[in-house]
PDB file of N, CA and C in Angstrom:
ATOM      1  N   MET A   1       0.607  -1.624   0.022  1.00  0.00           N
ATOM      2  CA  MET A   1      -0.107   0.152   0.205  1.00  0.00           C
ATOM      3  C   MET A   1       0.924   1.214  -0.198  1.00  0.00           C
ATOM      4  N   ALA A   2       0.600   2.397  -0.724  1.00  0.00           N
ATOM      5  CA  ALA A   2       0.913   4.017  -0.941  1.00  0.00           C
ATOM      6  C   ALA A   2       0.720   4.170   0.121  1.00  0.00           C
ATOM      7  N   ALA A   3       1.569   4.773   0.618  1.00  0.00           N
ATOM      8  CA  ALA A   3       1.979   5.818   2.068  1.00  0.00           C
ATOM      9  C   ALA A   3       2.043   6.947   1.197  1.00  0.00           C
ATOM     10  N   TYR A   4       1.183   8.097   1.496  1.00  0.00           N
ATOM     11  CA  TYR A   4       0.231   9.653   1.604  1.00  0.00           C
ATOM     12  C   TYR A   4       2.294   9.825   2.279  1.00  0.00           C
ATOM     13  N   LEU A   5       2.692  11.124   0.866  1.00  0.00           N
ATOM     14  CA  LEU A   5       3.552  12.529   1.686  1.00  0.00           C
ATOM     15  C   LEU A   5       3.399  13.425   1.636  1.00  0.00           C
ATOM     16  N   SER A   6       3.842  13.922   2.014  1.00  0.00           N
ATOM     17  CA  SER A   6       3.131  15.223   3.251  1.00  0.00           C
ATOM     18  C   SER A   6       3.568  16.575   1.795  1.00  0.00           C
ATOM     19  N   GLN A   7       2.550  17.302   2.105  1.00  0.00           N
ATOM     20  CA  GLN A   7       3.228  18.523   0.832  1.00  0.00           C
ATOM     21  C   GLN A   7       3.933  18.699   1.124  1.00  0.00           C
ATOM     22  N   ASP A   8       4.549  19.133   2.652  1.00  0.00           N
ATOM     23  CA  ASP A   8       6.216  19.760   2.615  1.00  0.00           C
ATOM     24  C   ASP A   8       7.280  19.343   1.437  1.00  0.00           C
ATOM     25  N   ILE A   9       7.034  17.695   1.730  1.00  0.00           N
ATOM     26  CA  ILE A   9       8.227  16.693   0.484  1.00  0.00           C
ATOM     27  C   ILE A   9       7.682  17.268  -0.444  1.00  0.00           C
ATOM     28  N   ARG A  10       7.134  16.793  -1.185  1.00  0.00           N
ATOM     29  CA  ARG A  10       6.861  17.193  -2.388  1.00  0.00           C
ATOM     30  C   ARG A  10       7.457  19.121  -2.869  1.00  0.00           C
ATOM     31  N   ILE A  11       7.184  19.962  -1.954  1.00  0.00           N
ATOM     32  CA  ILE A  11       7.560  21.138  -2.156  1.00  0.00           C
ATOM     33  C   ILE A  11       9.378  20.936  -2.024  1.00  0.00           C
ATOM     34  N   ARG A  12       9.837  20.256  -1.346  1.00  0.00           N
ATOM     35  CA  ARG A  12      11.444  19.931  -1.409  1.00  0.00           C
ATOM     36  C   ARG A  12      11.845  19.164  -2.124  1.00  0.00           C
ATOM     37  N   VAL A  13      10.996  18.400  -2.872  1.00  0.00           N
ATOM     38  CA  VAL A  13      11.701  18.057  -4.104  1.00  0.00           C
ATOM     39  C   VAL A  13      11.671  18.450  -5.457  1.00  0.00           C
ATOM     40  N   LEU A  14      10.638  19.435  -5.507  1.00  0.00           N
ATOM     41  CA  LEU A  14      10.484  20.465  -6.290  1.00  0.00           C
ATOM     42  C   LEU A  14      11.027  21.067  -6.635  1.00  0.00           C
ATOM     43  N   ARG A  15      11.446  22.049  -5.483  1.00  0.00           N
ATOM     44  CA  ARG A  15      12.200  22.998  -5.588  1.00  0.00           C
ATOM     45  C   ARG A  15      13.572  22.710  -5.955  1.00  0.00           C
ATOM     46  N   ALA A  16      14.092  21.266  -5.638  1.00  0.00           N
ATOM     47  CA  ALA A  16      15.288  20.490  -5.716  1.00  0.00           C
ATOM     48  C   ALA A  16      16.105  20.176  -7.286  1.00  0.00           C
ATOM     49  N   ILE A  17      14.468  19.922  -7.768  1.00  0.00           N
ATOM     50  CA  ILE A  17      14.695  19.785  -9.034  1.00  0.00           C
ATOM     51  C   ILE A  17      14.504  21.104  -9.856  1.00  0.00           C
ATOM     52  N   GLY A  18      14.162  22.410  -9.964  1.00  0.00           N
ATOM     53  CA  GLY A  18      13.954  23.088  -9.600  1.00  0.00           C
ATOM     54  C   GLY A  18      15.198  23.593  -9.788  1.00  0.00           C
ATOM     55  N   GLY A  19      16.381  24.052  -8.572  1.00  0.00           N
ATOM     56  CA  GLY A  19      17.143  24.102  -8.776  1.00  0.00           C
ATOM     57  C   GLY A  19      18.347  23.105  -9.323  1.00  0.00           C
ATOM     58  N   GLY A  20      18.373  22.552 -10.071  1.00  0.00           N
ATOM     59  CA  GLY A  20      18.982  21.515 -10.822  1.00  0.00           C
ATOM     60  C   GLY A  20      19.427  20.065 -10.929  1.00  0.00           C
ATOM     61  N   LEU A  21      18.823  19.466  -9.240  1.00  0.00           N
ATOM     62  CA  LEU A  21      19.145  18.627  -9.205  1.00  0.00           C
ATOM     63  C   LEU A  21      17.958  17.533 -10.690  1.00  0.00           C
ATOM     64  N   SER A  22      18.370  16.618 -11.206  1.00  0.00           N
ATOM     65  CA  SER A  22      17.325  15.678 -11.760  1.00  0.00           C
ATOM     66  C   SER A  22      16.974  14.502 -10.861  1.00  0.00           C
ATOM     67  N   ARG A  23      15.278  14.390 -11.128  1.00  0.00           N
ATOM     68  CA  ARG A  23      14.530  13.933 -11.126  1.00  0.00           C
ATOM     69  C   ARG A  23      15.209  12.658 -10.176  1.00  0.00           C
ATOM     70  N   ASN A  24      15.778  11.804 -10.714  1.00  0.00           N
ATOM     71  CA  ASN A  24      16.517  10.288 -10.158  1.00  0.00           C
ATOM     72  C   ASN A  24      16.992  10.436  -8.852  1.00  0.00           C
ATOM     73  N   THR A  25      17.954  11.529  -8.778  1.00  0.00           N
ATOM     74  CA  THR A  25      18.715  12.630  -7.783  1.00  0.00           C
ATOM     75  C   THR A  25      18.026  13.113  -6.652  1.00  0.00           C
ATOM     76  N   ALA A  26      16.644  13.725  -7.123  1.00  0.00           N
ATOM     77  CA  ALA A  26      16.098  14.299  -5.772  1.00  0.00           C
ATOM     78  C   ALA A  26      14.884  12.655  -5.634  1.00  0.00           C
ATOM     79  N   ALA A  27      15.098  11.816  -6.104  1.00  0.00           N
ATOM     80  CA  ALA A  27      14.353  11.555  -5.640  1.00  0.00           C
ATOM     81  C   ALA A  27      15.626  10.702  -4.569  1.00  0.00           C
ATOM     82  N   LYS A  28      16.454  10.564  -4.964  1.00  0.00           N
ATOM     83  CA  LYS A  28      16.981   9.351  -4.183  1.00  0.00           C
ATOM     84  C   LYS A  28      17.818   9.795  -2.508  1.00  0.00           C
ATOM     85  N   ARG A  29      17.836  11.568  -2.706  1.00  0.00           N
ATOM     86  CA  ARG A  29      17.705  12.388  -1.514  1.00  0.00           C
ATOM     87  C   ARG A  29      17.092  12.448  -0.863  1.00  0.00           C
ATOM     88  N   PHE A  30      15.481  12.162  -0.498  1.00  0.00           N
ATOM     89  CA  PHE A  30      14.030  12.839  -0.124  1.00  0.00           C
ATOM     90  C   PHE A  30      13.905  10.975  -0.030  1.00  0.00           C
ATOM     91  N   ALA A  31      14.335  10.710  -0.075  1.00  0.00           N
ATOM     92  CA  ALA A  31      14.074   8.697  -0.373  1.00  0.00           C
ATOM     93  C   ALA A  31      12.375   8.329  -0.525  1.00  0.00           C
ATOM     94  N   ILE A  32      12.568   8.913  -1.781  1.00  0.00           N
ATOM     95  CA  ILE A  32      11.280   8.357  -2.239  1.00  0.00           C
ATOM     96  C   ILE A  32      11.284   7.965  -3.877  1.00  0.00           C
ATOM     97  N   SER A  33      10.430   7.182  -4.024  1.00  0.00           N
ATOM     98  CA  SER A  33      10.380   6.436  -6.179  1.00  0.00           C
ATOM     99  C   SER A  33      10.848   7.826  -6.614  1.00  0.00           C
ATOM    100  N   SER A  34      11.846   7.441  -7.544  1.00  0.00           N
ATOM    101  CA  SER A  34      11.473   7.806  -9.004  1.00  0.00           C
ATOM    102  C   SER A  34      10.489   8.328  -9.270  1.00  0.00           C
ATOM    103  N   ALA A  35      10.063   7.295  -9.583  1.00  0.00           N
ATOM    104  CA  ALA A  35       8.053   7.507 -10.212  1.00  0.00           C
ATOM    105  C   ALA A  35       7.693   8.838  -9.635  1.00  0.00           C
ATOM    106  N   SER A  36       7.749   8.460  -7.989  1.00  0.00           N
ATOM    107  CA  SER A  36       7.119  10.037  -7.536  1.00  0.00           C
ATOM    108  C   SER A  36       7.417  11.263  -7.904  1.00  0.00           C
ATOM    109  N   ALA A  37       9.105  11.657  -8.392  1.00  0.00           N
ATOM    110  CA  ALA A  37       9.745  12.379  -8.266  1.00  0.00           C
ATOM    111  C   ALA A  37       8.652  13.048  -9.997  1.00  0.00           C
ATOM    112  N   VAL A  38       9.515  11.987 -10.391  1.00  0.00           N
ATOM    113  CA  VAL A  38       8.783  12.617 -12.251  1.00  0.00           C
ATOM    114  C   VAL A  38       7.592  12.497 -11.902  1.00  0.00           C
ATOM    115  N   ARG A  39       7.075  12.364 -11.285  1.00  0.00           N
ATOM    116  CA  ARG A  39       5.139  12.450 -11.941  1.00  0.00           C
ATOM    117  C   ARG A  39       4.455  13.961 -11.026  1.00  0.00           C
ATOM    118  N   TRP A  40       5.111  13.846 -10.120  1.00  0.00           N
ATOM    119  CA  TRP A  40       4.832  15.379  -9.819  1.00  0.00           C
ATOM    120  C   TRP A  40       5.647  16.305 -10.152  1.00  0.00           C
ATOM    121  N   MET A  41       6.711  16.308 -11.084  1.00  0.00           N
ATOM    122  CA  MET A  41       7.530  17.348 -11.501  1.00  0.00           C
ATOM    123  C   MET A  41       6.361  17.406 -12.432  1.00  0.00           C
ATOM    124  N   GLN A  42       6.131  16.776 -13.766  1.00  0.00           N
ATOM    125  CA  GLN A  42       4.830  16.262 -14.475  1.00  0.00           C
ATOM    126  C   GLN A  42       3.841  17.349 -14.342  1.00  0.00           C
ATOM    127  N   THR A  43       3.189  16.906 -13.271  1.00  0.00           N
ATOM    128  CA  THR A  43       2.186  17.835 -12.580  1.00  0.00           C
ATOM    129  C   THR A  43       2.366  19.433 -12.406  1.00  0.00           C
ATOM    130  N   CYS A  44       3.393  20.302 -12.328  1.00  0.00           N
ATOM    131  CA  CYS A  44       3.273  20.727 -11.372  1.00  0.00           C
ATOM    132  C   CYS A  44       3.684  21.382 -12.697  1.00  0.00           C
ATOM    133  N   LEU A  45       4.719  21.307 -14.023  1.00  0.00           N
ATOM    134  CA  LEU A  45       4.639  21.689 -15.250  1.00  0.00           C
ATOM    135  C   LEU A  45       3.908  22.394 -15.622  1.00  0.00           C
ATOM    136  N   ARG A  46       2.791  20.745 -15.393  1.00  0.00           N
ATOM    137  CA  ARG A  46       1.359  21.302 -16.385  1.00  0.00           C
ATOM    138  C   ARG A  46       0.633  22.033 -15.668  1.00  0.00           C
ATOM    139  N   THR A  47       0.503  21.738 -14.054  1.00  0.00           N
ATOM    140  CA  THR A  47      -0.872  22.794 -14.321  1.00  0.00           C
ATOM    141  C   THR A  47      -0.605  23.849 -12.969  1.00  0.00           C
ATOM    142  N   GLY A  48       0.585  24.046 -12.432  1.00  0.00           N
ATOM    143  CA  GLY A  48       1.076  24.934 -11.381  1.00  0.00           C
ATOM    144  C   GLY A  48       1.621  24.101 -10.157  1.00  0.00           C
ATOM    145  N   ARG A  49       0.204  23.590 -10.036  1.00  0.00           N
ATOM    146  CA  ARG A  49       0.595  23.301  -8.734  1.00  0.00           C
ATOM    147  C   ARG A  49       1.371  21.944  -8.256  1.00  0.00           C
ATOM    148  N   THR A  50       1.419  21.748  -6.721  1.00  0.00           N
ATOM    149  CA  THR A  50       1.775  20.801  -6.309  1.00  0.00           C
ATOM    150  C   THR A  50       0.884  19.752  -5.782  1.00  0.00           C
TER     151      THR A  50
END
């Protein structure tokens, strides 16, 4: 079962990616799946929301 991750971690991951980290590197740094980092960034770019 997937765990809910807080809005805070999403924002931190997106800021790290925006700051120059790759999605995979940001995922490793924050101990989340690469798929989550990719999905969150795609959503942010598409809608402007976290």
